[in-house]
Amino acid sequence: MRFAKGIDVYTAQGEKIGTLSRVVIDAKTRDVTDIVVDRGLFAGSEKVVPVGLVDRENEDRITLRETNQGVDDFLNYETTQYIPVDRRDAPYENIETSYWYPPTNLQIHTGGVMPGPFPDRALHTESSIPEGRVTISQGAQVISADEKHVGNVEQVIVDSENNNATHLVVGKGFLLKEHKLVPVLWVTQVGEDKVYLSVEASLFDRLPDHPSD
């Protein structure tokens, strides 16, 4: 089973709900636990869908199993909320008062940046992904052990029987792009937009080319 960059995701009734943007895996077992579906600009959110709801997947689409849950019932990948700001932390120091004509009272920050009004609340964004799980973004940079950018993640290949991630398909180059099939066992660390390998770039380059179809 392949989870490919930008693949369309449909309900069991054939309604398109978005495109695949990320794959969530267990950091220890490498099991794929969820997929993240980008609902698009107008829907305005990414939804976390348990991988157990994936019914079938082919070259063109991912189809979900029949479920009582509507799309809006799935968790948002990120939630944003306003949290109170401790005004004692606001940078009031080093502020001078200047007088202008016509008379006005203007406060200027002597550090070189003029602050606006200090808000009582600030935006705070959190991910709904539990601790111990990590997301692999489609297009994430792949970094070799000698700290070279060797390509970008285009697909995550998963064993359909146990949902274990086995390989990454990594695209390299622009006009004449090559594709490499990288064992997940080579992955040492996964970040939001970077995947780190245990092998150097020279070994990565010696991998046979993998068909992109």
Protein backbone atom coordinates (compact mmCIF):
# COMPACT_ATOMS: atom_id res chain seq x y z
CA MET A 1 0.00 0.00 0.00
CA ARG A 2 1.39 3.37 -1.02
CA PHE A 3 0.60 6.73 0.55
CA ALA A 4 1.63 9.18 -2.15
CA LYS A 5 2.00 12.94 -2.09
CA GLY A 6 -1.25 14.74 -2.90
CA ILE A 7 -3.32 11.59 -3.50
CA ASP A 8 -7.08 12.21 -3.31
CA VAL A 9 -9.05 10.88 -0.34
CA TYR A 10 -12.69 9.80 -0.73
CA THR A 11 -15.44 8.60 1.57
CA ALA A 12 -17.08 5.22 1.03
CA GLN A 13 -19.87 7.09 -0.80
CA GLY A 14 -17.40 8.53 -3.31
CA GLU A 15 -17.25 12.07 -1.92
CA LYS A 16 -13.81 13.66 -2.14
CA ILE A 17 -12.84 15.11 1.24
CA GLY A 18 -9.31 16.31 0.48
CA THR A 19 -5.79 15.17 -0.34
CA LEU A 20 -3.14 13.34 1.65
CA SER A 21 -0.67 15.75 3.25
CA ARG A 22 1.04 13.75 6.02
CA VAL A 23 1.47 10.25 7.39
CA VAL A 24 1.59 9.66 11.14
CA ILE A 25 3.77 6.84 12.46
CA ASP A 26 4.64 5.43 15.85
CA ALA A 27 8.19 6.55 16.57
CA LYS A 28 9.18 3.18 18.07
CA THR A 29 7.34 0.56 16.06
CA ARG A 30 7.21 2.45 12.71
CA ASP A 31 3.53 1.49 12.47
CA VAL A 32 1.41 3.93 10.51
CA THR A 33 -1.36 5.05 12.87
CA ASP A 34 -3.10 7.86 10.98
CA ILE A 35 -3.16 9.87 7.80
CA VAL A 36 -3.64 13.63 7.68
CA VAL A 37 -6.03 14.91 5.04
CA ASP A 38 -5.75 18.47 3.76
CA ARG A 39 -9.32 19.70 3.32
CA GLY A 40 -8.25 22.53 1.02
CA LEU A 41 -8.26 26.30 1.14
CA PHE A 42 -11.99 26.78 1.64
CA ALA A 43 -12.45 24.04 4.24
CA GLY A 44 -9.51 25.55 6.11
CA SER A 45 -8.26 22.60 8.16
CA GLU A 46 -6.39 19.31 8.10
CA LYS A 47 -8.14 16.26 9.54
CA VAL A 48 -6.52 13.26 11.28
CA VAL A 49 -8.01 9.99 10.02
CA PRO A 50 -7.09 6.65 11.69
CA VAL A 51 -5.38 4.37 9.18
CA GLY A 52 -7.78 1.59 10.17
CA LEU A 53 -10.48 3.46 8.25
CA VAL A 54 -8.56 3.15 4.98
CA ASP A 55 -10.47 0.61 2.92
CA ARG A 56 -8.43 0.45 -0.22
CA GLU A 57 -5.84 2.50 -2.04
CA ASN A 58 -4.65 2.51 -5.63
CA GLU A 59 -2.75 4.71 -8.03
CA ASP A 60 -5.40 7.41 -7.99
CA ARG A 61 -7.13 7.55 -4.63
CA ILE A 62 -7.51 6.50 -1.01
CA THR A 63 -11.01 5.34 -0.09
CA LEU A 64 -12.25 5.21 3.50
CA ARG A 65 -14.40 2.48 4.99
CA GLU A 66 -18.04 3.03 5.84
CA THR A 67 -18.23 4.91 9.14
CA ASN A 68 -20.76 6.78 11.23
CA GLN A 69 -18.29 9.66 11.55
CA GLY A 70 -18.62 12.65 9.29
CA VAL A 71 -15.56 14.48 8.04
CA ASP A 72 -16.06 17.24 10.61
CA ASP A 73 -16.02 14.65 13.41
CA PHE A 74 -12.36 13.80 12.85
CA LEU A 75 -9.79 15.66 14.92
CA ASN A 76 -8.15 18.74 13.47
CA TYR A 77 -4.44 18.19 12.93
CA GLU A 78 -3.78 21.53 14.60
CA THR A 79 -5.94 23.61 16.88
CA THR A 80 -5.46 27.33 17.43
CA GLN A 81 -6.75 29.18 20.44
CA TYR A 82 -6.22 32.44 22.26
CA ILE A 83 -4.45 32.22 25.60
CA PRO A 84 -4.11 34.99 28.20
CA VAL A 85 -0.88 36.98 28.17
CA ASP A 86 0.80 37.92 31.44
CA ARG A 87 1.10 41.66 30.97
CA ARG A 88 4.01 41.71 33.42
CA ASP A 89 6.05 40.12 30.63
CA ALA A 90 5.24 42.92 28.18
CA PRO A 91 8.36 44.94 27.21
CA TYR A 92 7.50 48.30 28.73
CA GLU A 93 11.10 49.11 29.60
CA ASN A 94 13.22 51.33 27.34
CA ILE A 95 10.18 53.26 26.12
CA GLU A 96 10.44 57.03 25.82
CA THR A 97 7.73 59.62 25.30
CA SER A 98 8.14 62.07 22.41
CA TYR A 99 6.13 65.23 21.90
CA TRP A 100 5.05 66.37 18.48
CA TYR A 101 3.24 69.36 17.10
CA PRO A 102 0.29 69.30 16.80
CA PRO A 103 0.32 67.93 20.37
CA THR A 104 0.22 64.14 20.58
CA ASN A 105 1.68 61.57 22.90
CA LEU A 106 3.63 58.91 20.95
CA GLN A 107 5.57 56.10 22.60
CA ILE A 108 8.72 54.97 20.78
CA HIS A 109 10.74 51.86 21.56
CA THR A 110 14.42 52.83 21.79
CA GLY A 111 15.50 49.35 20.71
CA GLY A 112 14.60 50.21 17.13
CA VAL A 113 11.25 48.43 16.80
CA MET A 114 8.09 50.32 17.51
CA PRO A 115 5.59 48.11 19.38
CA GLY A 116 1.88 48.16 18.77
CA PRO A 117 -0.76 47.91 21.47
CA PHE A 118 -0.02 45.07 23.86
CA PRO A 119 -2.68 42.35 23.50
CA ASP A 120 -4.36 40.64 26.42
CA ARG A 121 -4.33 37.32 24.52
CA ALA A 122 -2.04 35.61 22.05
CA LEU A 123 -2.59 32.89 19.47
CA HIS A 124 -1.32 29.44 20.47
CA THR A 125 -1.28 26.45 18.10
CA GLU A 126 -1.12 22.81 19.23
CA SER A 127 -1.00 19.53 17.33
CA SER A 128 -3.51 16.79 18.14
CA ILE A 129 -0.92 14.07 17.45
CA PRO A 130 -0.18 12.17 20.71
CA GLU A 131 3.28 12.05 22.20
CA GLY A 132 5.31 9.17 20.79
CA ARG A 133 3.99 9.62 17.27
CA VAL A 134 5.56 11.65 14.51
CA THR A 135 4.34 12.94 11.17
CA ILE A 136 6.10 12.54 7.86
CA SER A 137 5.10 15.38 5.59
CA GLN A 138 4.88 14.67 1.91
CA GLY A 139 7.81 16.62 0.47
CA ALA A 140 9.87 16.48 3.67
CA GLN A 141 13.60 16.85 3.13
CA VAL A 142 15.70 13.69 3.49
CA ILE A 143 19.05 14.32 5.18
CA SER A 144 21.93 11.84 5.04
CA ALA A 145 24.27 11.00 7.93
CA ASP A 146 26.85 13.41 6.46
CA GLU A 147 24.20 16.17 6.57
CA LYS A 148 23.45 16.37 2.85
CA HIS A 149 20.01 16.97 1.42
CA VAL A 150 19.59 13.90 -0.79
CA GLY A 151 15.95 14.28 -1.82
CA ASN A 152 12.36 14.67 -0.68
CA VAL A 153 9.76 12.19 0.52
CA GLU A 154 7.17 11.44 -2.15
CA GLN A 155 5.60 8.23 -0.91
CA VAL A 156 5.40 6.11 2.23
CA ILE A 157 5.05 2.38 1.50
CA VAL A 158 3.11 0.43 4.10
CA ASP A 159 2.57 -3.27 4.68
CA SER A 160 -1.21 -3.52 4.26
CA GLU A 161 -1.48 -6.47 6.66
CA ASN A 162 0.02 -4.82 9.73
CA ASN A 163 0.19 -1.10 8.74
CA ASN A 164 3.96 -1.13 9.26
CA ALA A 165 5.88 1.46 7.23
CA THR A 166 8.55 -0.40 5.27
CA HIS A 167 10.03 2.07 2.76
CA LEU A 168 10.10 5.68 1.67
CA VAL A 169 10.15 6.67 -1.99
CA VAL A 170 12.52 9.62 -2.20
CA GLY A 171 12.62 11.90 -5.23
CA LYS A 172 15.91 13.55 -6.18
CA GLY A 173 16.54 16.20 -8.82
CA PHE A 174 14.28 18.47 -10.84
CA LEU A 175 14.13 18.02 -14.61
CA LEU A 176 15.30 14.40 -14.73
CA LYS A 177 14.12 13.29 -11.33
CA GLU A 178 15.42 10.04 -9.88
CA HIS A 179 13.55 8.00 -7.31
CA LYS A 180 15.13 5.87 -4.60
CA LEU A 181 13.47 3.23 -2.44
CA VAL A 182 14.80 3.78 1.08
CA PRO A 183 14.24 1.20 3.86
CA VAL A 184 12.55 2.70 6.91
CA LEU A 185 15.21 0.90 8.97
CA TRP A 186 17.63 3.55 7.69
CA VAL A 187 15.59 6.31 9.30
CA THR A 188 17.07 7.54 12.57
CA GLN A 189 14.90 10.58 13.25
CA VAL A 190 11.75 12.14 11.87
CA GLY A 191 10.90 15.80 12.16
CA GLU A 192 7.95 17.79 10.85
CA ASP A 193 9.71 18.61 7.59
CA LYS A 194 12.93 16.57 7.70
CA VAL A 195 13.79 12.87 7.78
CA TYR A 196 17.30 11.85 8.89
CA LEU A 197 19.08 8.73 7.65
CA SER A 198 21.80 6.57 9.19
CA VAL A 199 23.71 6.28 5.89
CA GLU A 200 25.84 8.78 4.02
CA ALA A 201 24.89 10.36 0.71
CA SER A 202 27.32 8.17 -1.25
CA LEU A 203 25.47 5.01 -0.16
CA PHE A 204 22.10 6.60 -0.84
CA ASP A 205 23.21 7.43 -4.39
CA ARG A 206 24.16 3.80 -4.99
CA LEU A 207 20.59 2.65 -4.42
CA PRO A 208 19.02 1.44 -7.69
CA ASP A 209 16.53 3.77 -9.33
CA HIS A 210 12.95 3.05 -8.36
CA PRO A 211 10.11 3.41 -10.90
CA SER A 212 8.01 6.45 -10.11
CA ASP A 213 4.78 4.87 -11.41
